[in-house]
Structure formats: structure tokens, C-alpha cells
Amino acid sequence: MKNKEICLEYKNKEIKLNVKVCNLFEKFKGLMFVKKEKAKILLFNFKKNTKISLHSYFVFFPFIVLWLDDKNKIVDFRLINSFKFFISSKKSFSKIIEIPCNNKYGKIIKLFLS
């Protein structure tokens, strides 16, 4: 994994996230089996727009999923709880960001949930 800073806009606020860019294997693993307080924000890039679904099996804490277009515009987002089988966006996307709900990212989580 490599680190990257990504800028998003939400509710007229600019959000800068330090994300870990995931390779193919890491896309399959995501936040599974990671301890809540050690979890990092993950970025999954796709070569073209897609509508694949996710799951939260073996993720033992809630997290926020952001679905982004190719210009890093948020097209959808949702708070996800553990052990959900089918998580998807109604819109197509080219990137996914998973933000763990932990103390480290509390300000970001509050912004999306307020």
C-alpha cells in the first residue's frame, strides 16, 4: 500500500484525507480482521466506472463508505455496520473510500453523520 492525500468537498467544506491506496489483494481484504483503532482510511481505485457491491463480514466496527466519480466528487455515501452482506451504491463510481469509525477519524465521521 502507498499513502496519498485526496481532497474532497462535502457540505461546502474541503476535506483532506490521508488514504492508503490498495492493490488488488488489499481491495478484497479491505477492513476485514483489522483492529478498530489501528484501521486506516482505504482507497480503492477502479480502471473504469463500476457498480460492484461490498460486504462488511469480519469488519468488527462501523465505517463510512464514500463512492466517488473520476473527479473525486462524492456520488454516494453510507454508514455501514458489521456483518452486512450486500452494500452498494445506486450510482456508478470509479473509487471507493472506507473510513473507519475510530477516535483518529472522529472529526471526519461527525461531518458525514451530522
C-alpha atoms as a PDB file:
ATOM      1  CA  MET A   1       0.000   0.000   0.000  1.00  0.00           C
ATOM      2  CA  LYS A   2       1.112   3.522  -0.656  1.00  0.00           C
ATOM      3  CA  ASN A   3      -0.139   6.697   1.019  1.00  0.00           C
ATOM      4  CA  LYS A   4      -1.775   9.518  -0.850  1.00  0.00           C
ATOM      5  CA  GLU A   5      -3.625  12.694   0.082  1.00  0.00           C
ATOM      6  CA  ILE A   6      -7.023  13.126  -1.534  1.00  0.00           C
ATOM      7  CA  CYS A   7      -9.210  16.241  -1.375  1.00  0.00           C
ATOM      8  CA  LEU A   8     -12.994  16.024  -1.300  1.00  0.00           C
ATOM      9  CA  GLU A   9     -15.783  18.526  -0.880  1.00  0.00           C
ATOM     10  CA  TYR A  10     -18.808  17.884   1.320  1.00  0.00           C
ATOM     11  CA  LYS A  11     -21.327  20.406   2.691  1.00  0.00           C
ATOM     12  CA  ASN A  12     -19.238  23.217   1.175  1.00  0.00           C
ATOM     13  CA  LYS A  13     -16.210  22.128   3.201  1.00  0.00           C
ATOM     14  CA  GLU A  14     -12.932  20.845   1.814  1.00  0.00           C
ATOM     15  CA  ILE A  15     -11.830  17.588   3.375  1.00  0.00           C
ATOM     16  CA  LYS A  16      -8.256  16.359   3.062  1.00  0.00           C
ATOM     17  CA  LEU A  17      -7.824  12.657   3.698  1.00  0.00           C
ATOM     18  CA  ASN A  18      -4.558  10.764   4.021  1.00  0.00           C
ATOM     19  CA  VAL A  19      -5.502   7.441   2.459  1.00  0.00           C
ATOM     20  CA  LYS A  20      -3.798   4.128   1.805  1.00  0.00           C
ATOM     21  CA  VAL A  21      -4.119   3.199  -1.871  1.00  0.00           C
ATOM     22  CA  CYS A  22      -4.978  -0.504  -2.053  1.00  0.00           C
ATOM     23  CA  ASN A  23      -3.680  -3.023  -4.551  1.00  0.00           C
ATOM     24  CA  LEU A  24      -5.841  -5.869  -5.883  1.00  0.00           C
ATOM     25  CA  PHE A  25      -5.341  -8.156  -2.867  1.00  0.00           C
ATOM     26  CA  GLU A  26      -5.952  -5.309  -0.417  1.00  0.00           C
ATOM     27  CA  LYS A  27      -9.207  -4.438  -2.218  1.00  0.00           C
ATOM     28  CA  PHE A  28     -10.513  -7.908  -1.366  1.00  0.00           C
ATOM     29  CA  LYS A  29      -9.408  -7.642   2.267  1.00  0.00           C
ATOM     30  CA  GLY A  30     -10.414  -4.035   2.949  1.00  0.00           C
ATOM     31  CA  LEU A  31     -11.011  -3.511   6.675  1.00  0.00           C
ATOM     32  CA  MET A  32     -11.591  -7.193   7.448  1.00  0.00           C
ATOM     33  CA  PHE A  33      -9.777  -8.513  10.546  1.00  0.00           C
ATOM     34  CA  VAL A  34      -8.271  -5.083  11.348  1.00  0.00           C
ATOM     35  CA  LYS A  35      -8.425  -3.681  14.880  1.00  0.00           C
ATOM     36  CA  LYS A  36     -10.647  -0.613  15.112  1.00  0.00           C
ATOM     37  CA  GLU A  37      -8.082   1.855  16.469  1.00  0.00           C
ATOM     38  CA  LYS A  38      -5.358   0.679  14.072  1.00  0.00           C
ATOM     39  CA  ALA A  39      -7.563   0.866  10.971  1.00  0.00           C
ATOM     40  CA  LYS A  40      -6.594   3.377   8.296  1.00  0.00           C
ATOM     41  CA  ILE A  41      -8.631   5.112   5.611  1.00  0.00           C
ATOM     42  CA  LEU A  42      -8.526   2.961   2.474  1.00  0.00           C
ATOM     43  CA  LEU A  43      -8.853   3.988  -1.184  1.00  0.00           C
ATOM     44  CA  PHE A  44      -9.876   1.524  -3.886  1.00  0.00           C
ATOM     45  CA  ASN A  45      -9.315   2.711  -7.481  1.00  0.00           C
ATOM     46  CA  PHE A  46     -11.040   1.065 -10.429  1.00  0.00           C
ATOM     47  CA  LYS A  47      -9.940   1.390 -14.058  1.00  0.00           C
ATOM     48  CA  LYS A  48     -13.446   2.286 -15.251  1.00  0.00           C
ATOM     49  CA  ASN A  49     -16.797   3.150 -13.732  1.00  0.00           C
ATOM     50  CA  THR A  50     -18.407   0.231 -11.970  1.00  0.00           C
ATOM     51  CA  LYS A  51     -21.281  -0.717  -9.655  1.00  0.00           C
ATOM     52  CA  ILE A  52     -19.715  -3.581  -7.701  1.00  0.00           C
ATOM     53  CA  SER A  53     -21.045  -4.330  -4.231  1.00  0.00           C
ATOM     54  CA  LEU A  54     -19.183  -4.674  -0.935  1.00  0.00           C
ATOM     55  CA  HIS A  55     -19.752  -6.580   2.304  1.00  0.00           C
ATOM     56  CA  SER A  56     -18.725  -5.964   5.897  1.00  0.00           C
ATOM     57  CA  TYR A  57     -18.261  -9.545   7.037  1.00  0.00           C
ATOM     58  CA  PHE A  58     -15.385  -9.772   9.525  1.00  0.00           C
ATOM     59  CA  VAL A  59     -15.212  -5.993   9.945  1.00  0.00           C
ATOM     60  CA  PHE A  60     -15.856  -5.646  13.675  1.00  0.00           C
ATOM     61  CA  PHE A  61     -16.652  -1.917  13.791  1.00  0.00           C
ATOM     62  CA  PRO A  62     -18.750   0.542  11.780  1.00  0.00           C
ATOM     63  CA  PHE A  63     -17.245   2.523   8.913  1.00  0.00           C
ATOM     64  CA  ILE A  64     -18.291   5.031   6.300  1.00  0.00           C
ATOM     65  CA  VAL A  65     -18.120   4.188   2.613  1.00  0.00           C
ATOM     66  CA  LEU A  66     -17.731   7.007   0.115  1.00  0.00           C
ATOM     67  CA  TRP A  67     -18.335   6.272  -3.550  1.00  0.00           C
ATOM     68  CA  LEU A  68     -16.509   8.760  -5.818  1.00  0.00           C
ATOM     69  CA  ASP A  69     -16.502   9.568  -9.510  1.00  0.00           C
ATOM     70  CA  ASP A  70     -13.310  10.002 -11.517  1.00  0.00           C
ATOM     71  CA  LYS A  71     -13.070  13.666 -10.416  1.00  0.00           C
ATOM     72  CA  ASN A  72     -13.261  12.748  -6.696  1.00  0.00           C
ATOM     73  CA  LYS A  73     -16.825  14.014  -6.389  1.00  0.00           C
ATOM     74  CA  ILE A  74     -18.857  12.089  -3.818  1.00  0.00           C
ATOM     75  CA  VAL A  75     -21.703  10.350  -5.648  1.00  0.00           C
ATOM     76  CA  ASP A  76     -22.980   8.414  -2.614  1.00  0.00           C
ATOM     77  CA  PHE A  77     -22.032   7.567   0.967  1.00  0.00           C
ATOM     78  CA  ARG A  78     -23.317   5.419   3.786  1.00  0.00           C
ATOM     79  CA  LEU A  79     -22.561   4.377   7.357  1.00  0.00           C
ATOM     80  CA  ILE A  80     -22.014   0.612   7.393  1.00  0.00           C
ATOM     81  CA  ASN A  81     -22.306  -1.691  10.385  1.00  0.00           C
ATOM     82  CA  SER A  82     -20.585  -5.050  10.849  1.00  0.00           C
ATOM     83  CA  PHE A  83     -21.640  -8.195   9.031  1.00  0.00           C
ATOM     84  CA  LYS A  84     -23.741  -6.693   6.234  1.00  0.00           C
ATOM     85  CA  PHE A  85     -23.890  -8.906   3.183  1.00  0.00           C
ATOM     86  CA  PHE A  86     -24.742  -6.528   0.340  1.00  0.00           C
ATOM     87  CA  ILE A  87     -23.563  -2.893   0.271  1.00  0.00           C
ATOM     88  CA  SER A  88     -23.895  -0.959  -2.947  1.00  0.00           C
ATOM     89  CA  SER A  89     -24.389   2.441  -4.489  1.00  0.00           C
ATOM     90  CA  LYS A  90     -27.227   3.181  -6.877  1.00  0.00           C
ATOM     91  CA  LYS A  91     -24.826   5.262  -8.961  1.00  0.00           C
ATOM     92  CA  SER A  92     -21.734   4.097 -10.797  1.00  0.00           C
ATOM     93  CA  PHE A  93     -18.350   5.107  -9.413  1.00  0.00           C
ATOM     94  CA  SER A  94     -14.623   4.805 -10.066  1.00  0.00           C
ATOM     95  CA  LYS A  95     -13.300   4.956  -6.482  1.00  0.00           C
ATOM     96  CA  ILE A  96     -14.311   3.816  -3.015  1.00  0.00           C
ATOM     97  CA  ILE A  97     -13.050   5.214   0.273  1.00  0.00           C
ATOM     98  CA  GLU A  98     -13.582   3.317   3.534  1.00  0.00           C
ATOM     99  CA  ILE A  99     -13.289   5.469   6.666  1.00  0.00           C
ATOM    100  CA  PRO A 100     -13.185   3.503   9.945  1.00  0.00           C
ATOM    101  CA  CYS A 101     -15.270   4.906  12.809  1.00  0.00           C
ATOM    102  CA  ASN A 102     -12.499   5.278  15.363  1.00  0.00           C
ATOM    103  CA  ASN A 103     -11.074   8.061  17.540  1.00  0.00           C
ATOM    104  CA  LYS A 104      -8.467   9.030  14.946  1.00  0.00           C
ATOM    105  CA  TYR A 105     -11.104   9.977  12.356  1.00  0.00           C
ATOM    106  CA  GLY A 106     -13.798  11.289  14.723  1.00  0.00           C
ATOM    107  CA  LYS A 107     -13.997  14.784  13.164  1.00  0.00           C
ATOM    108  CA  ILE A 108     -14.427  13.372   9.671  1.00  0.00           C
ATOM    109  CA  ILE A 109     -17.082  10.901  10.839  1.00  0.00           C
ATOM    110  CA  LYS A 110     -19.039  13.674  12.615  1.00  0.00           C
ATOM    111  CA  LEU A 111     -19.032  15.762   9.442  1.00  0.00           C
ATOM    112  CA  PHE A 112     -20.669  12.979   7.434  1.00  0.00           C
ATOM    113  CA  LEU A 113     -23.123  11.935  10.141  1.00  0.00           C
ATOM    114  CA  SER A 114     -24.327  15.436  11.123  1.00  0.00           C
END
